[in-house]
Amino acid sequence: MSKPEAQRQRPRLAVFKFASCDGCQLSILNLEEDLLAVGQALDLAYFPEASSDMKAGPYDIALVEGSITTAEDAHRILAVRQQTKVLITIGACATAGGIQALRNWADVEAFKQAVYPSPEYIQSLSTSTPISEHVHVDYELWGCPIDKHQLLRVITDLVVGVQPRLPGDSVCLECKRRGNVCVLVAKGIPCLGPVTRTGCGAICPGMGRDCYGCFGPSEGERKGPGLPPNTASLATRFHRELQLIPAEVVRRFRGINGYVSPFRAESETWGNKA
């Protein structure tokens, strides 16, 4: 078999960027030696962050970083979806709208007037929204940035034909596995670990500080897996036991993943009390 024929038989991978900081794409490059193995198993057809050799679709797998913040991006993501078999969103911006989704509760036009000398040249939507609000998404890798080992595991599963399984339990379980002292119970620090999905390795609680929800909401266990976590109970504890005023409760939930439900719903509930 000739080399071009073998090349065509490998699944074709594309990496696309929308509104983001590029941190999740850098996580791909930080695979280091494992990236060489990925390059052998896949045809890295389109990855502007890594190579100027950009090949046209269709693609077997697309990794999409960033949120939709312009009308142009809203059209471009449709084209990405049309030429991709499996679309995977990577990072908080793509899965939840990112920190830039704070604009969704503000007056974007007023920001333009205050920041730019010629705001008429700034073309942006009034909202920053996750990819899933525009097209069907097959898998979501949460995090800010994503965990490179989780990414490698998902890619490996897809290459060998196995259904990827992503963790949905909370950071609290990860803390228990690692023997971390609970900063919420022992130190009275308002930690989002009980309602945040694991994937980071409980880095922040392991360093004695609170989780701030960078891996998005966990899958709650109140009535079974796949349901929203009990954010209402945690928010009430922040307020009643830790003495956080409503505005501070809002700030806890309105962060990197603040626009994704149920974080959005909880922050809006407490925003009405502020």
Foldseek 3Di string as FASTA:
>chain_A
DDPVVVQVPAFEEAEEEDPDDCPQVVLLVVVVPVNVVVVVRHPPQYDVVVDPNHHDFQGAEYEYEAWAWAPVVLVVLVVNVVSYNAYEYFELCQAFVFQVQVLVPDDVVVVLVVPDPCSVPDGTDSGTGHSVVRDPHRYYAFFPGGNSVLVSQCSVCVSVVHDDDDFQAFVVVLCVVVVFDDCCVPVVALAPRRFATDGPSNVQSNVVHHHLRRRHGGQDPPPHGPHHHPLVVSLVCCCPVSVDQLVVSLVSLSGGNCRDPPSVVSSVVSVVVD
